[in-house]
Amino acid sequence: MKYLTLYIMLCLLICKGSEQNRTTITEPSLMDVNQLASNLFCSVSDDKPAEKITVIDKEICYVNDAYNTGYRAIPSDPDFYYFTKFPPIPRNLPVPFEWRTENFYLENPARTGSLAFADIGGSITDNVYLEPDKPWIVQLGISTPGKGDTKAGSPQYKIWYRTSNDNGSTFTPLKQVIIEGYTSMNPIEGVEIGRNGFNVDATRPIVRASNGEIMVPIGLHPWDDVNQKIYLPESSAFIFQDAGVLIGKWLSDGSDMAWKFGEWLRIDHNKSTRGLSEPTIVELDESGRFAMISRGSNLARLELPCHAWVSFSDDYCRSWSDPEPLAYSTGERFYVTTAHSTLFKSRVNGKTYWLGNLQHENPRASIPRYPLVIGEVDLDNFGVIKETVVEIDTRQPNDGGENLQLSNFSILENDKKAEIIVVLTRREGSNSASRPTWYRIKLN
C-alpha cells in the first residue's frame, strides 16, 4: 500500500508540472491522493456484491390436506444425496441383555411414522459417515427396550454401529458402541445398561477432524446417584441431558472402528431446565479447536431466557468450556426455541452455516417452532453473522395455530455446487402432514 501511494503521488506531481509548463512543481494534497486512489480502484475493480443465501425453490405440504393441491417430490438430482439406500435393519432385534430384544432406530425417532423420511436417505444428518477416497462407511443408530422419543424409552438408549468396506453394498452386523477399556454393561463413562443410557441424534453431520478422527456428537441421560434414579433436577421438565462427542478411529484395514471419549458437558438446570441435548459441532480454523452448539430449554421455568448454548474444545472434543448463549458474531444475543439446530460446513465453498428456530422474543420452551432460518457462521469471532440470516419458512395462512413445528429437519447437500435441500414434515401438535415440505437453498 505504501508503494501504491508513492506511485499515485508521483503521477500527480507529473500532471501538476505539465499543467504549469513544468516551471513549477506543486506538492499534491492528501485529498488529491485519496481522490485518485478512489478513481483508480473504481476503474479497475470488477468486484460484484456478495451473493446472499437464497431459497430458490420449495414445495410446501400443509397438515390440513384441504390446502394441498398437487405435489412436487423432493428433487432426485444424485449430487444432493450423500449416500444411496443401504441394506435395511429390522426394527426389532435381539440384544445381549436379560430382556433379549429391543427396538432399533437408525433415523430420528421423532420422525417415525412419517412416510416421507422413510424414503429420503442420503442426508448429511443421517448418522452416516463416508471416509474420503476409501470405500469405508460407518452408520450409527440407537435402540431401547421401550418406545423411542418418550420419557420412559429415551433414557434407556444405547448406541450401535455397523461398517462397510465396499461402499455400502454389504455391512457388518450391528455392534454395540463400547469405549476402549469399558464393557457391554458399562459402555461409556456415566452409563450402566438397564439403568440409564446415551444416544446419537439424526440432526447433525458426523465430522472428520483435521487429525483424521471421526467426531460424533452424543447425549447422555445422566444418573442421579443421590436419589438413585434418572437425573431430573426440574421435575416438570420431562428429561435432562448432558452433551459430549464420541471419537472414532478406523482400524488400518477399515474393517472396524475403535471408540474413545473425553468428558460429558453439563449446564446448570437454572440456565437450561432440560440440560444440553442434540449437540452439533464444527472444527474451527485452528486444528483441534471445536465449537459445539446444544439445544437448551426453559420448560417449567418460562422466566428463564431460552437459548441454544455454545461451548469450545481445544483438544479435539475431549474437554469443553462452560456453555454460553449462542449469539450473533457482534455479541448481540438472540433466543432459540427448544428444538434441534444444526451446524454444517459446506464441502463446496468451505463456509459454515447454522440452521434453527431463531427468535427475537423469549419462546415458551418448544413454542413457537417457527420461523426456520439459516445464516453463515463467523468461525473467528464465533457467532451467526446477522446480515446473512435468511428466513427459510414461517407460519403461513394455511397453517394452524402456534403449535406449528418447522423442525426435525434433514439436510441434503449438493457436492458439486453450493446448494442444499432442507426437508421437514410440518406438524401441528400430534398431527403431521402427509408429505414432506422441502426448500432448495443457494448458499452465499
Protein backbone atom coordinates (compact mmCIF):
# COMPACT_ATOMS: atom_id res chain seq x y z
CA MET A 1 0.00 0.00 0.00
CA LYS A 2 2.92 2.34 0.78
CA TYR A 3 4.33 1.88 -2.74
CA LEU A 4 0.94 2.42 -4.34
CA THR A 5 0.60 5.74 -2.51
CA LEU A 6 4.06 6.86 -3.69
CA TYR A 7 3.16 5.91 -7.24
CA ILE A 8 -0.04 7.96 -7.11
CA MET A 9 1.80 10.97 -5.69
CA LEU A 10 4.39 10.76 -8.48
CA CYS A 11 1.62 10.70 -11.09
CA LEU A 12 0.07 13.78 -9.54
CA LEU A 13 3.44 15.61 -9.47
CA ILE A 14 3.97 14.93 -13.15
CA CYS A 15 0.45 16.02 -14.04
CA LYS A 16 0.69 19.22 -12.00
CA GLY A 17 4.06 20.07 -13.55
CA SER A 18 2.73 19.54 -17.05
CA GLU A 19 -0.21 21.85 -16.43
CA GLN A 20 2.20 24.65 -15.44
CA ASN A 21 4.60 24.12 -18.40
CA ARG A 22 6.88 22.28 -15.99
CA THR A 23 8.05 25.58 -14.46
CA THR A 24 6.50 24.91 -11.06
CA ILE A 25 6.02 21.68 -9.20
CA THR A 26 3.23 21.77 -6.62
CA GLU A 27 3.03 19.16 -3.84
CA PRO A 28 -0.21 17.24 -4.20
CA SER A 29 -2.66 17.39 -1.33
CA LEU A 30 -3.91 14.39 0.61
CA MET A 31 -7.31 15.00 -0.97
CA ASP A 32 -5.75 14.66 -4.44
CA VAL A 33 -4.17 11.33 -3.46
CA ASN A 34 -7.36 9.94 -1.97
CA GLN A 35 -9.44 11.02 -4.97
CA LEU A 36 -7.07 9.45 -7.46
CA ALA A 37 -6.88 6.26 -5.41
CA SER A 38 -10.65 6.11 -5.31
CA ASN A 39 -10.92 6.62 -9.06
CA LEU A 40 -8.20 4.06 -9.69
CA PHE A 41 -9.86 1.36 -7.62
CA CYS A 42 -13.29 2.14 -9.07
CA SER A 43 -11.98 1.88 -12.62
CA VAL A 44 -10.14 -1.42 -12.22
CA SER A 45 -12.36 -3.23 -9.71
CA ASP A 46 -14.82 -5.73 -11.07
CA ASP A 47 -15.99 -6.93 -7.65
CA LYS A 48 -19.62 -7.95 -7.51
CA PRO A 49 -21.90 -7.51 -4.50
CA ALA A 50 -21.71 -10.50 -2.17
CA GLU A 51 -24.33 -13.09 -3.03
CA LYS A 52 -26.98 -13.74 -0.40
CA ILE A 53 -28.32 -17.04 0.82
CA THR A 54 -31.46 -17.58 -1.25
CA VAL A 55 -34.37 -20.01 -1.21
CA ILE A 56 -34.58 -20.77 -4.94
CA ASP A 57 -37.32 -23.41 -4.91
CA LYS A 58 -39.70 -25.01 -2.41
CA GLU A 59 -42.70 -27.28 -2.04
CA ILE A 60 -44.96 -26.92 0.99
CA CYS A 61 -47.27 -29.66 2.22
CA TYR A 62 -49.68 -28.48 4.92
CA VAL A 63 -51.04 -30.55 7.77
CA ASN A 64 -54.56 -29.85 6.52
CA ASP A 65 -54.78 -31.71 3.19
CA ALA A 66 -57.56 -29.38 2.06
CA TYR A 67 -54.85 -26.82 1.27
CA ASN A 68 -52.64 -29.22 -0.69
CA THR A 69 -53.18 -29.16 -4.45
CA GLY A 70 -50.66 -31.19 -6.37
CA TYR A 71 -47.21 -32.03 -5.09
CA ARG A 72 -43.66 -31.97 -6.45
CA ALA A 73 -41.38 -34.59 -4.98
CA ILE A 74 -38.02 -33.80 -3.44
CA PRO A 75 -35.52 -33.25 -6.29
CA SER A 76 -33.85 -36.51 -7.29
CA ASP A 77 -30.57 -34.99 -8.52
CA PRO A 78 -27.98 -37.56 -7.30
CA ASP A 79 -25.50 -34.77 -6.49
CA PHE A 80 -27.64 -33.98 -3.45
CA TYR A 81 -27.51 -37.46 -1.95
CA TYR A 82 -24.61 -38.22 0.40
CA PHE A 83 -25.29 -41.95 0.08
CA THR A 84 -27.81 -44.27 -1.52
CA LYS A 85 -30.07 -46.69 0.29
CA PHE A 86 -28.28 -49.24 2.44
CA PRO A 87 -29.44 -52.76 3.37
CA PRO A 88 -32.30 -52.25 5.84
CA ILE A 89 -32.20 -53.05 9.54
CA PRO A 90 -35.24 -54.70 11.19
CA ARG A 91 -36.98 -52.57 13.80
CA ASN A 92 -36.80 -55.29 16.45
CA LEU A 93 -33.55 -57.20 17.07
CA PRO A 94 -32.03 -59.46 19.73
CA VAL A 95 -29.67 -57.86 22.28
CA PRO A 96 -27.22 -59.46 24.77
CA PHE A 97 -29.19 -58.33 27.80
CA GLU A 98 -31.68 -60.14 30.01
CA TRP A 99 -34.71 -58.63 28.22
CA ARG A 100 -33.48 -60.23 24.96
CA THR A 101 -34.86 -57.80 22.31
CA GLU A 102 -35.02 -54.03 21.69
CA ASN A 103 -36.49 -51.55 19.23
CA PHE A 104 -33.89 -50.14 16.84
CA TYR A 105 -33.89 -46.71 15.19
CA LEU A 106 -31.44 -45.61 12.51
CA GLU A 107 -33.44 -42.41 11.95
CA ASN A 108 -34.68 -39.78 14.37
CA PRO A 109 -37.47 -41.49 16.38
CA ALA A 110 -39.36 -38.18 16.39
CA ARG A 111 -39.83 -38.71 12.64
CA THR A 112 -41.00 -42.29 12.90
CA GLY A 113 -44.33 -42.80 11.21
CA SER A 114 -43.66 -40.12 8.62
CA LEU A 115 -43.57 -41.96 5.28
CA ALA A 116 -41.65 -39.02 3.89
CA PHE A 117 -38.46 -39.71 5.79
CA ALA A 118 -38.51 -43.46 5.19
CA ASP A 119 -37.83 -42.81 1.51
CA ILE A 120 -35.33 -39.95 1.61
CA GLY A 121 -31.97 -41.27 2.78
CA GLY A 122 -28.75 -39.66 1.70
CA SER A 123 -28.81 -36.64 4.00
CA ILE A 124 -25.69 -35.41 5.80
CA THR A 125 -27.66 -35.60 9.07
CA ASP A 126 -28.49 -39.33 8.90
CA ASN A 127 -25.76 -40.69 11.22
CA VAL A 128 -23.73 -41.95 8.26
CA TYR A 129 -20.07 -41.16 7.59
CA LEU A 130 -18.19 -41.88 4.35
CA GLU A 131 -14.39 -41.89 4.57
CA PRO A 132 -12.95 -39.72 1.74
CA ASP A 133 -11.11 -41.63 -1.01
CA LYS A 134 -11.90 -45.02 0.55
CA PRO A 135 -14.88 -47.39 0.32
CA TRP A 136 -15.31 -47.31 4.12
CA ILE A 137 -18.62 -46.35 5.71
CA VAL A 138 -19.89 -46.28 9.28
CA GLN A 139 -23.58 -45.99 10.15
CA LEU A 140 -24.88 -45.45 13.68
CA GLY A 141 -28.26 -45.93 15.32
CA ILE A 142 -29.93 -46.37 18.70
CA SER A 143 -32.07 -48.92 20.48
CA THR A 144 -34.30 -49.02 23.54
CA PRO A 145 -36.45 -51.70 25.15
CA GLY A 146 -39.25 -49.12 25.16
CA LYS A 147 -40.52 -46.66 22.56
CA GLY A 148 -38.15 -44.06 21.16
CA ASP A 149 -38.53 -40.36 21.92
CA THR A 150 -40.57 -40.96 25.08
CA LYS A 151 -39.88 -40.20 28.74
CA ALA A 152 -39.57 -43.92 29.50
CA GLY A 153 -37.84 -45.10 26.34
CA SER A 154 -35.30 -42.34 25.69
CA PRO A 155 -33.28 -42.71 28.94
CA GLN A 156 -32.58 -46.36 28.03
CA TYR A 157 -30.97 -45.66 24.65
CA LYS A 158 -27.84 -47.49 23.56
CA ILE A 159 -25.70 -46.68 20.51
CA TRP A 160 -24.94 -49.28 17.84
CA TYR A 161 -22.95 -49.15 14.61
CA ARG A 162 -22.13 -51.15 11.53
CA THR A 163 -19.36 -50.69 8.98
CA SER A 164 -18.86 -51.35 5.28
CA ASN A 165 -15.67 -51.57 3.26
CA ASP A 166 -17.39 -51.89 -0.12
CA ASN A 167 -19.21 -48.53 -0.38
CA GLY A 168 -22.31 -49.81 1.40
CA SER A 169 -23.11 -52.88 -0.68
CA THR A 170 -22.67 -55.02 2.41
CA PHE A 171 -22.33 -54.24 6.12
CA THR A 172 -21.11 -55.98 9.23
CA PRO A 173 -23.75 -56.98 11.80
CA LEU A 174 -24.69 -54.22 14.23
CA LYS A 175 -22.19 -53.86 17.07
CA GLN A 176 -22.61 -52.02 20.36
CA VAL A 177 -20.53 -48.86 20.76
CA ILE A 178 -18.17 -49.60 23.64
CA ILE A 179 -15.40 -47.19 24.59
CA GLU A 180 -11.92 -48.72 24.82
CA GLY A 181 -11.48 -50.14 28.33
CA TYR A 182 -15.23 -50.33 29.01
CA THR A 183 -17.72 -53.21 28.85
CA SER A 184 -21.04 -54.08 27.24
CA MET A 185 -22.87 -53.34 30.51
CA ASN A 186 -20.85 -50.16 31.12
CA PRO A 187 -20.12 -48.97 27.56
CA ILE A 188 -19.08 -45.37 28.34
CA GLU A 189 -18.44 -43.12 31.32
CA GLY A 190 -21.68 -42.47 33.22
CA VAL A 191 -23.76 -45.26 31.65
CA GLU A 192 -24.88 -48.57 33.17
CA ILE A 193 -27.10 -50.67 30.93
CA GLY A 194 -30.53 -51.22 32.46
CA ARG A 195 -30.20 -48.03 34.49
CA ASN A 196 -29.57 -45.16 32.03
CA GLY A 197 -28.35 -44.61 28.50
CA PHE A 198 -26.82 -42.40 25.80
CA ASN A 199 -27.73 -41.65 22.21
CA VAL A 200 -26.95 -40.15 18.83
CA ASP A 201 -29.47 -37.87 17.09
CA ALA A 202 -30.26 -37.76 13.38
CA THR A 203 -29.99 -33.97 13.48
CA ARG A 204 -26.39 -33.07 12.57
CA PRO A 205 -23.44 -34.22 10.45
CA ILE A 206 -20.70 -36.51 11.67
CA VAL A 207 -17.44 -34.54 11.37
CA ARG A 208 -13.98 -35.68 10.25
CA ALA A 209 -11.39 -33.82 12.34
CA SER A 210 -8.13 -32.50 10.95
CA ASN A 211 -6.29 -35.36 12.70
CA GLY A 212 -8.43 -37.99 10.93
CA GLU A 213 -10.62 -38.85 13.91
CA ILE A 214 -14.37 -39.21 13.38
CA MET A 215 -16.40 -36.97 15.70
CA VAL A 216 -19.97 -37.99 16.58
CA PRO A 217 -21.97 -35.65 18.88
CA ILE A 218 -23.94 -37.61 21.52
CA GLY A 219 -26.19 -37.07 24.51
CA LEU A 220 -26.33 -38.67 27.98
CA HIS A 221 -29.30 -39.36 30.23
CA PRO A 222 -27.35 -38.96 33.48
CA TRP A 223 -27.92 -40.99 36.62
CA ASP A 224 -28.72 -39.34 39.96
CA ASP A 225 -26.53 -41.19 42.47
CA VAL A 226 -28.14 -39.43 45.43
CA ASN A 227 -31.74 -40.26 44.58
CA GLN A 228 -30.96 -43.45 42.62
CA LYS A 229 -32.94 -42.53 39.52
CA ILE A 230 -32.54 -40.79 36.18
CA TYR A 231 -31.24 -37.28 36.88
CA LEU A 232 -34.08 -34.74 36.56
CA PRO A 233 -33.39 -31.63 38.66
CA GLU A 234 -36.51 -29.86 37.34
CA SER A 235 -39.28 -32.37 37.89
CA SER A 236 -41.64 -30.90 35.27
CA ALA A 237 -39.01 -30.61 32.53
CA PHE A 238 -39.55 -34.10 31.04
CA ILE A 239 -35.87 -35.09 30.69
CA PHE A 240 -32.37 -33.71 31.31
CA GLN A 241 -29.26 -34.40 29.23
CA ASP A 242 -25.51 -33.80 29.16
CA ALA A 243 -23.64 -33.42 25.86
CA GLY A 244 -20.41 -34.90 24.56
CA VAL A 245 -18.64 -36.26 21.49
CA LEU A 246 -17.91 -39.87 20.58
CA ILE A 247 -14.48 -40.18 18.93
CA GLY A 248 -13.95 -42.92 16.35
CA LYS A 249 -10.83 -44.10 14.57
CA TRP A 250 -10.67 -46.62 11.74
CA LEU A 251 -8.60 -49.75 12.07
CA SER A 252 -5.85 -49.78 9.46
CA ASP A 253 -7.77 -52.10 7.10
CA GLY A 254 -11.13 -50.36 7.53
CA SER A 255 -12.70 -53.50 8.98
CA ASP A 256 -13.86 -51.86 12.20
CA MET A 257 -13.67 -48.73 14.29
CA ALA A 258 -12.20 -48.12 17.77
CA TRP A 259 -14.06 -45.71 20.04
CA LYS A 260 -12.81 -43.16 22.57
CA PHE A 261 -14.48 -40.48 24.68
CA GLY A 262 -13.44 -37.39 26.61
CA GLU A 263 -15.94 -35.97 29.08
CA TRP A 264 -19.59 -35.01 29.40
CA LEU A 265 -20.60 -31.35 29.50
CA ARG A 266 -23.33 -30.28 31.92
CA ILE A 267 -25.15 -26.99 32.31
CA ASP A 268 -26.81 -25.71 35.49
CA HIS A 269 -30.53 -26.51 35.32
CA ASN A 270 -31.16 -22.92 36.44
CA LYS A 271 -29.89 -21.89 32.99
CA SER A 272 -31.40 -24.69 30.89
CA THR A 273 -34.02 -26.81 32.61
CA ARG A 274 -33.52 -29.77 30.26
CA GLY A 275 -29.75 -29.53 30.10
CA LEU A 276 -27.86 -29.78 26.81
CA SER A 277 -29.21 -32.04 24.09
CA GLU A 278 -28.89 -32.68 20.34
CA PRO A 279 -25.35 -31.23 20.11
CA THR A 280 -23.88 -30.21 16.75
CA ILE A 281 -20.20 -29.45 16.12
CA VAL A 282 -17.73 -27.83 13.73
CA GLU A 283 -13.94 -27.64 13.73
CA LEU A 284 -12.71 -24.06 13.66
CA ASP A 285 -9.77 -22.77 11.62
CA GLU A 286 -7.29 -23.79 14.33
CA SER A 287 -6.67 -27.55 14.23
CA GLY A 288 -8.22 -29.35 17.20
CA ARG A 289 -10.41 -26.40 18.24
CA PHE A 290 -14.12 -27.20 18.02
CA ALA A 291 -17.37 -25.39 18.73
CA MET A 292 -20.39 -27.34 19.97
CA ILE A 293 -23.92 -25.92 19.94
CA SER A 294 -26.55 -27.71 22.06
CA ARG A 295 -30.27 -27.36 22.42
CA GLY A 296 -31.43 -25.66 25.63
CA SER A 297 -34.82 -25.17 27.27
CA ASN A 298 -36.82 -23.10 29.71
CA LEU A 299 -39.59 -25.68 30.08
CA ALA A 300 -41.21 -25.38 33.54
CA ARG A 301 -39.28 -22.11 34.10
CA LEU A 302 -40.56 -19.75 31.42
CA GLU A 303 -39.00 -16.76 33.14
CA LEU A 304 -35.58 -18.08 32.04
CA PRO A 305 -34.19 -16.99 28.66
CA CYS A 306 -34.37 -19.85 26.17
CA HIS A 307 -31.10 -20.19 24.22
CA ALA A 308 -29.02 -22.59 22.23
CA TRP A 309 -25.72 -22.97 24.08
CA VAL A 310 -22.19 -22.94 22.65
CA SER A 311 -19.03 -24.45 24.17
CA PHE A 312 -15.47 -24.79 22.87
CA SER A 313 -12.82 -27.50 22.93
CA ASP A 314 -9.10 -27.09 22.28
CA ASP A 315 -8.26 -30.80 22.46
CA TYR A 316 -10.25 -32.49 19.70
CA CYS A 317 -13.51 -32.72 21.65
CA ARG A 318 -12.05 -34.26 24.83
CA SER A 319 -12.97 -31.37 27.15
CA TRP A 320 -15.27 -28.37 26.88
CA SER A 321 -15.59 -24.79 28.13
CA ASP A 322 -18.57 -23.64 30.16
CA PRO A 323 -21.56 -23.12 27.84
CA GLU A 324 -22.61 -19.61 26.84
CA PRO A 325 -25.68 -18.47 24.86
CA LEU A 326 -25.27 -18.67 21.09
CA ALA A 327 -25.22 -15.11 19.71
CA TYR A 328 -24.54 -13.07 16.61
CA SER A 329 -20.87 -12.54 15.76
CA THR A 330 -21.25 -8.99 17.12
CA GLY A 331 -22.07 -10.39 20.56
CA GLU A 332 -25.75 -9.44 20.31
CA ARG A 333 -27.85 -12.26 21.75
CA PHE A 334 -31.00 -13.86 20.40
CA TYR A 335 -33.29 -16.66 21.58
CA VAL A 336 -33.69 -20.17 20.19
CA THR A 337 -36.74 -22.39 20.60
CA THR A 338 -36.35 -25.72 22.39
CA ALA A 339 -35.67 -27.66 19.19
CA HIS A 340 -32.61 -29.03 17.49
CA SER A 341 -30.36 -26.79 15.41
CA THR A 342 -27.59 -27.79 13.02
CA LEU A 343 -24.10 -26.62 12.15
CA PHE A 344 -22.55 -27.77 8.89
CA LYS A 345 -19.50 -26.79 6.85
CA SER A 346 -20.11 -26.72 3.10
CA ARG A 347 -17.99 -29.20 1.16
CA VAL A 348 -18.10 -26.80 -1.81
CA ASN A 349 -17.40 -23.27 -0.52
CA GLY A 350 -15.89 -24.15 2.88
CA LYS A 351 -18.21 -21.81 4.78
CA THR A 352 -20.06 -22.83 7.94
CA TYR A 353 -23.82 -22.38 8.39
CA TRP A 354 -26.31 -22.66 11.24
CA LEU A 355 -29.98 -23.62 10.84
CA GLY A 356 -32.52 -23.30 13.63
CA ASN A 357 -35.63 -21.66 15.05
CA LEU A 358 -34.18 -18.23 15.87
CA GLN A 359 -36.41 -15.92 17.91
CA HIS A 360 -36.33 -12.23 18.86
CA GLU A 361 -38.69 -12.75 21.80
CA ASN A 362 -38.25 -15.35 24.51
CA PRO A 363 -40.06 -18.54 23.43
CA ARG A 364 -42.13 -20.73 25.72
CA ALA A 365 -39.82 -23.74 25.52
CA SER A 366 -40.87 -25.53 22.28
CA ILE A 367 -43.35 -22.84 21.21
CA PRO A 368 -43.07 -21.47 18.60
CA ARG A 369 -41.01 -23.72 16.34
CA TYR A 370 -41.06 -21.17 13.56
CA PRO A 371 -39.59 -19.33 11.74
CA LEU A 372 -36.82 -21.61 10.49
CA VAL A 373 -33.72 -19.65 9.44
CA ILE A 374 -30.24 -20.16 8.03
CA GLY A 375 -27.19 -17.93 8.48
CA GLU A 376 -23.46 -18.05 7.92
CA VAL A 377 -21.23 -18.52 10.98
CA ASP A 378 -18.12 -16.45 11.74
CA LEU A 379 -15.57 -19.01 12.95
CA ASP A 380 -13.07 -16.42 14.23
CA ASN A 381 -15.46 -14.34 16.30
CA PHE A 382 -17.78 -17.27 16.78
CA GLY A 383 -21.40 -16.46 16.13
CA VAL A 384 -24.06 -16.15 13.46
CA ILE A 385 -23.38 -13.31 11.01
CA LYS A 386 -26.56 -11.27 11.42
CA GLU A 387 -26.66 -9.73 7.95
CA THR A 388 -26.56 -13.20 6.33
CA VAL A 389 -29.58 -14.60 8.18
CA VAL A 390 -32.41 -15.62 5.85
CA GLU A 391 -35.86 -16.89 6.79
CA ILE A 392 -36.45 -20.25 5.13
CA ASP A 393 -40.10 -20.53 6.17
CA THR A 394 -42.54 -19.45 8.84
CA ARG A 395 -46.19 -19.89 9.76
CA GLN A 396 -48.40 -19.44 6.71
CA PRO A 397 -52.12 -18.54 6.44
CA ASN A 398 -52.89 -22.20 5.64
CA ASP A 399 -51.12 -23.42 8.76
CA GLY A 400 -52.94 -23.93 12.04
CA GLY A 401 -52.09 -22.27 15.33
CA GLU A 402 -48.87 -21.52 17.15
CA ASN A 403 -48.21 -25.23 17.68
CA LEU A 404 -46.88 -25.39 14.10
CA GLN A 405 -43.49 -27.11 14.01
CA LEU A 406 -40.88 -26.34 11.37
CA SER A 407 -38.24 -28.52 12.99
CA ASN A 408 -36.77 -32.05 12.93
CA PHE A 409 -35.32 -31.26 9.52
CA SER A 410 -32.80 -33.13 7.39
CA ILE A 411 -30.22 -31.60 5.06
CA LEU A 412 -29.29 -32.83 1.60
CA GLU A 413 -26.05 -31.21 0.41
CA ASN A 414 -25.00 -30.89 -3.23
CA ASP A 415 -21.38 -31.99 -3.59
CA LYS A 416 -20.71 -30.00 -6.78
CA LYS A 417 -22.32 -26.60 -6.16
CA ALA A 418 -23.07 -24.61 -3.03
CA GLU A 419 -26.68 -25.69 -2.58
CA ILE A 420 -28.66 -27.66 -0.02
CA ILE A 421 -32.16 -29.04 0.26
CA VAL A 422 -33.78 -28.79 3.69
CA VAL A 423 -36.51 -31.38 4.26
CA LEU A 424 -39.04 -31.49 7.09
CA THR A 425 -42.55 -32.66 7.83
CA ARG A 426 -44.93 -29.95 9.00
CA ARG A 427 -46.52 -30.82 12.34
CA GLU A 428 -49.24 -29.26 14.45
CA GLY A 429 -49.35 -30.94 17.83
CA SER A 430 -49.69 -34.67 17.20
CA ASN A 431 -50.84 -34.19 13.59
CA SER A 432 -48.38 -34.39 10.68
CA ALA A 433 -48.53 -33.50 7.01
CA SER A 434 -48.89 -36.42 4.61
CA ARG A 435 -45.74 -35.50 2.65
CA PRO A 436 -42.53 -33.60 3.35
CA THR A 437 -42.03 -29.88 2.84
CA TRP A 438 -38.72 -29.06 1.16
CA TYR A 439 -36.66 -25.98 0.33
CA ARG A 440 -33.83 -25.75 -2.19
CA ILE A 441 -31.35 -23.16 -0.96
CA LYS A 442 -28.44 -21.49 -2.75
CA LEU A 443 -25.66 -20.68 -0.29
CA ASN A 444 -23.74 -17.41 -0.39
